[in-house]
C-alpha atoms as a PDB file:
ATOM      1  CA  UNK A   1      -3.920  26.304  -0.691  1.00  0.00           C
ATOM      2  CA  UNK A   2       0.296  25.438  -0.513  1.00  0.00           C
ATOM      3  CA  UNK A   3       1.506  23.862  -3.278  1.00  0.00           C
ATOM      4  CA  UNK A   4       5.075  22.462  -4.331  1.00  0.00           C
ATOM      5  CA  UNK A   5       6.764  21.654  -7.561  1.00  0.00           C
ATOM      6  CA  UNK A   6       7.184  17.943  -8.544  1.00  0.00           C
ATOM      7  CA  UNK A   7       8.930  16.551 -11.414  1.00  0.00           C
ATOM      8  CA  UNK A   8       7.764  13.045 -12.686  1.00  0.00           C
ATOM      9  CA  UNK A   9       9.649  10.974 -15.424  1.00  0.00           C
ATOM     10  CA  UNK A  10       7.650   7.910 -15.524  1.00  0.00           C
ATOM     11  CA  UNK A  11       4.255   6.565 -15.292  1.00  0.00           C
ATOM     12  CA  UNK A  12       2.810   9.733 -13.656  1.00  0.00           C
ATOM     13  CA  UNK A  13       3.678  11.549 -16.853  1.00  0.00           C
ATOM     14  CA  UNK A  14       0.924  12.656 -19.208  1.00  0.00           C
ATOM     15  CA  UNK A  15      -0.873   9.392 -20.630  1.00  0.00           C
ATOM     16  CA  UNK A  16       0.619   7.346 -18.360  1.00  0.00           C
ATOM     17  CA  UNK A  17      -0.845   4.754 -15.868  1.00  0.00           C
ATOM     18  CA  UNK A  18      -0.253   7.015 -12.780  1.00  0.00           C
ATOM     19  CA  UNK A  19      -1.113  10.563 -14.494  1.00  0.00           C
ATOM     20  CA  UNK A  20      -4.754  10.099 -13.041  1.00  0.00           C
ATOM     21  CA  UNK A  21      -3.192  10.961  -9.535  1.00  0.00           C
ATOM     22  CA  UNK A  22      -2.374  14.464 -10.845  1.00  0.00           C
ATOM     23  CA  UNK A  23      -5.628  14.960 -12.155  1.00  0.00           C
ATOM     24  CA  UNK A  24      -5.963  17.790  -9.546  1.00  0.00           C
ATOM     25  CA  UNK A  25      -2.741  19.080 -10.310  1.00  0.00           C
ATOM     26  CA  UNK A  26      -1.288  21.992 -12.721  1.00  0.00           C
ATOM     27  CA  UNK A  27       0.976  20.784 -15.828  1.00  0.00           C
ATOM     28  CA  UNK A  28       3.537  23.298 -15.744  1.00  0.00           C
ATOM     29  CA  UNK A  29       4.980  21.642 -18.801  1.00  0.00           C
ATOM     30  CA  UNK A  30       7.971  19.697 -20.202  1.00  0.00           C
ATOM     31  CA  UNK A  31      11.054  19.787 -18.063  1.00  0.00           C
ATOM     32  CA  UNK A  32      14.462  18.080 -17.588  1.00  0.00           C
ATOM     33  CA  UNK A  33      17.187  17.395 -14.781  1.00  0.00           C
ATOM     34  CA  UNK A  34      20.434  18.950 -14.250  1.00  0.00           C
ATOM     35  CA  UNK A  35      23.252  16.299 -15.409  1.00  0.00           C
ATOM     36  CA  UNK A  36      23.558  14.917 -12.066  1.00  0.00           C
ATOM     37  CA  UNK A  37      21.681  11.842 -12.395  1.00  0.00           C
ATOM     38  CA  UNK A  38      21.714   8.136 -13.712  1.00  0.00           C
ATOM     39  CA  UNK A  39      18.368   6.977 -14.830  1.00  0.00           C
ATOM     40  CA  UNK A  40      17.559   3.178 -14.434  1.00  0.00           C
ATOM     41  CA  UNK A  41      14.673   1.016 -15.673  1.00  0.00           C
ATOM     42  CA  UNK A  42      13.212  -1.288 -12.725  1.00  0.00           C
ATOM     43  CA  UNK A  43      11.970  -4.461 -14.100  1.00  0.00           C
ATOM     44  CA  UNK A  44      10.869  -2.436 -17.298  1.00  0.00           C
ATOM     45  CA  UNK A  45       7.966  -1.359 -14.942  1.00  0.00           C
ATOM     46  CA  UNK A  46       9.013   2.037 -13.983  1.00  0.00           C
ATOM     47  CA  UNK A  47      12.058   4.276 -14.069  1.00  0.00           C
ATOM     48  CA  UNK A  48      14.280   5.776 -11.087  1.00  0.00           C
ATOM     49  CA  UNK A  49      16.493   8.644 -10.863  1.00  0.00           C
ATOM     50  CA  UNK A  50      19.667   8.271  -8.843  1.00  0.00           C
ATOM     51  CA  UNK A  51      22.027  11.332  -8.066  1.00  0.00           C
ATOM     52  CA  UNK A  52      25.882  10.916  -8.833  1.00  0.00           C
ATOM     53  CA  UNK A  53      28.907  12.834  -8.179  1.00  0.00           C
ATOM     54  CA  UNK A  54      30.188  12.166 -11.739  1.00  0.00           C
ATOM     55  CA  UNK A  55      29.095  11.070 -15.120  1.00  0.00           C
ATOM     56  CA  UNK A  56      25.357  12.109 -14.804  1.00  0.00           C
ATOM     57  CA  UNK A  57      23.016  12.593 -17.404  1.00  0.00           C
ATOM     58  CA  UNK A  58      19.984  14.885 -18.159  1.00  0.00           C
ATOM     59  CA  UNK A  59      16.511  12.981 -17.815  1.00  0.00           C
ATOM     60  CA  UNK A  60      13.213  14.231 -19.496  1.00  0.00           C
ATOM     61  CA  UNK A  61      10.061  14.457 -17.863  1.00  0.00           C
ATOM     62  CA  UNK A  62       7.314  16.803 -16.888  1.00  0.00           C
ATOM     63  CA  UNK A  63       6.613  19.271 -14.158  1.00  0.00           C
ATOM     64  CA  UNK A  64       3.731  19.647 -11.953  1.00  0.00           C
ATOM     65  CA  UNK A  65       2.642  22.169  -9.400  1.00  0.00           C
ATOM     66  CA  UNK A  66       0.792  19.869  -6.706  1.00  0.00           C
ATOM     67  CA  UNK A  67      -0.986  20.487  -3.905  1.00  0.00           C
ATOM     68  CA  UNK A  68       0.347  18.743  -0.624  1.00  0.00           C
ATOM     69  CA  UNK A  69      -2.989  16.874  -0.369  1.00  0.00           C
ATOM     70  CA  UNK A  70      -2.796  15.439  -3.862  1.00  0.00           C
ATOM     71  CA  UNK A  71       1.153  14.425  -2.964  1.00  0.00           C
ATOM     72  CA  UNK A  72       0.249  12.895   0.176  1.00  0.00           C
ATOM     73  CA  UNK A  73      -2.987  11.227  -0.600  1.00  0.00           C
ATOM     74  CA  UNK A  74      -3.100  10.382  -4.264  1.00  0.00           C
ATOM     75  CA  UNK A  75       0.524  10.011  -5.824  1.00  0.00           C
ATOM     76  CA  UNK A  76       2.821   8.943  -2.907  1.00  0.00           C
ATOM     77  CA  UNK A  77       0.643   5.907  -1.712  1.00  0.00           C
ATOM     78  CA  UNK A  78       0.794   4.623  -5.479  1.00  0.00           C
ATOM     79  CA  UNK A  79       4.364   4.900  -5.895  1.00  0.00           C
ATOM     80  CA  UNK A  80       6.670   1.654  -5.840  1.00  0.00           C
ATOM     81  CA  UNK A  81       8.947   0.843  -2.477  1.00  0.00           C
ATOM     82  CA  UNK A  82      11.969   1.227  -4.798  1.00  0.00           C
ATOM     83  CA  UNK A  83      11.314   4.961  -4.718  1.00  0.00           C
ATOM     84  CA  UNK A  84      11.578   7.484  -2.342  1.00  0.00           C
ATOM     85  CA  UNK A  85      10.778  11.066  -2.333  1.00  0.00           C
ATOM     86  CA  UNK A  86      13.561  13.392  -2.650  1.00  0.00           C
ATOM     87  CA  UNK A  87      14.784  17.104  -3.858  1.00  0.00           C
ATOM     88  CA  UNK A  88      16.409  17.308  -7.511  1.00  0.00           C
ATOM     89  CA  UNK A  89      18.011  19.984  -9.477  1.00  0.00           C
ATOM     90  CA  UNK A  90      16.322  20.824 -12.586  1.00  0.00           C
ATOM     91  CA  UNK A  91      18.626  21.775 -15.671  1.00  0.00           C
ATOM     92  CA  UNK A  92      17.955  25.785 -14.988  1.00  0.00           C
ATOM     93  CA  UNK A  93      19.434  25.143 -11.395  1.00  0.00           C
ATOM     94  CA  UNK A  94      16.246  25.453  -9.483  1.00  0.00           C
ATOM     95  CA  UNK A  95      14.936  22.687  -7.588  1.00  0.00           C
ATOM     96  CA  UNK A  96      11.756  20.621  -6.923  1.00  0.00           C
ATOM     97  CA  UNK A  97      10.402  17.250  -5.592  1.00  0.00           C
ATOM     98  CA  UNK A  98      10.803  14.059  -7.400  1.00  0.00           C
ATOM     99  CA  UNK A  99      10.989  10.438  -6.741  1.00  0.00           C
ATOM    100  CA  UNK A 100      14.373   8.780  -6.592  1.00  0.00           C
ATOM    101  CA  UNK A 101      15.783   5.322  -6.298  1.00  0.00           C
ATOM    102  CA  UNK A 102      16.472   4.181  -3.186  1.00  0.00           C
ATOM    103  CA  UNK A 103      20.222   3.583  -2.565  1.00  0.00           C
ATOM    104  CA  UNK A 104      19.496  -0.013  -1.903  1.00  0.00           C
ATOM    105  CA  UNK A 105      17.917  -0.608  -5.294  1.00  0.00           C
ATOM    106  CA  UNK A 106      20.477   0.528  -7.651  1.00  0.00           C
ATOM    107  CA  UNK A 107      22.384  -2.790  -8.016  1.00  0.00           C
ATOM    108  CA  UNK A 108      19.130  -5.109  -7.662  1.00  0.00           C
ATOM    109  CA  UNK A 109      18.261  -7.507  -9.873  1.00  0.00           C
ATOM    110  CA  UNK A 110      16.342  -6.083 -12.903  1.00  0.00           C
ATOM    111  CA  UNK A 111      17.692  -2.711 -12.750  1.00  0.00           C
ATOM    112  CA  UNK A 112      18.926  -1.777 -15.831  1.00  0.00           C
ATOM    113  CA  UNK A 113      20.911   1.797 -16.857  1.00  0.00           C
ATOM    114  CA  UNK A 114      19.126   3.822 -19.509  1.00  0.00           C
ATOM    115  CA  UNK A 115      20.866   7.044 -18.524  1.00  0.00           C
ATOM    116  CA  UNK A 116      22.399   7.550 -22.201  1.00  0.00           C
ATOM    117  CA  UNK A 117      18.432   7.583 -23.379  1.00  0.00           C
ATOM    118  CA  UNK A 118      17.434   9.910 -20.482  1.00  0.00           C
ATOM    119  CA  UNK A 119      13.190   9.575 -21.338  1.00  0.00           C
ATOM    120  CA  UNK A 120      11.207   6.965 -20.085  1.00  0.00           C
ATOM    121  CA  UNK A 121       8.884   7.466 -23.309  1.00  0.00           C
ATOM    122  CA  UNK A 122      11.779   6.820 -25.616  1.00  0.00           C
ATOM    123  CA  UNK A 123      13.083   3.854 -23.585  1.00  0.00           C
ATOM    124  CA  UNK A 124       9.420   2.189 -23.726  1.00  0.00           C
ATOM    125  CA  UNK A 125       8.381   3.221 -27.103  1.00  0.00           C
ATOM    126  CA  UNK A 126       5.440   4.932 -25.607  1.00  0.00           C
ATOM    127  CA  UNK A 127       3.877   7.908 -27.856  1.00  0.00           C
ATOM    128  CA  UNK A 128       2.663  10.034 -25.105  1.00  0.00           C
END
């Protein structure tokens, strides 16, 4: 079965409300993006990465080895419309898939820049 690496940084992380979508995926471990992203909270419901040319930050999350079936049938259908699937760069220079904030939502009402925090769990005060 073919798999891809998927970086998650919000509710799909261990203990999050979407993590059950990854129950058939393999947790590779903690990971971080390259310092090429801004990080946003969307209505304090979920985070969104956004690539930038300058003033980027590292964002912490988890890396999973995911089958295309799990990605297609279990995870992507549950992602909010403000996010889209993209390829990102990790702090070691490698690439992987991740959800990214769509351009049109970056300046939308209820979207707050939390780049300096760089960690959804820290931002939300979640213990896991």
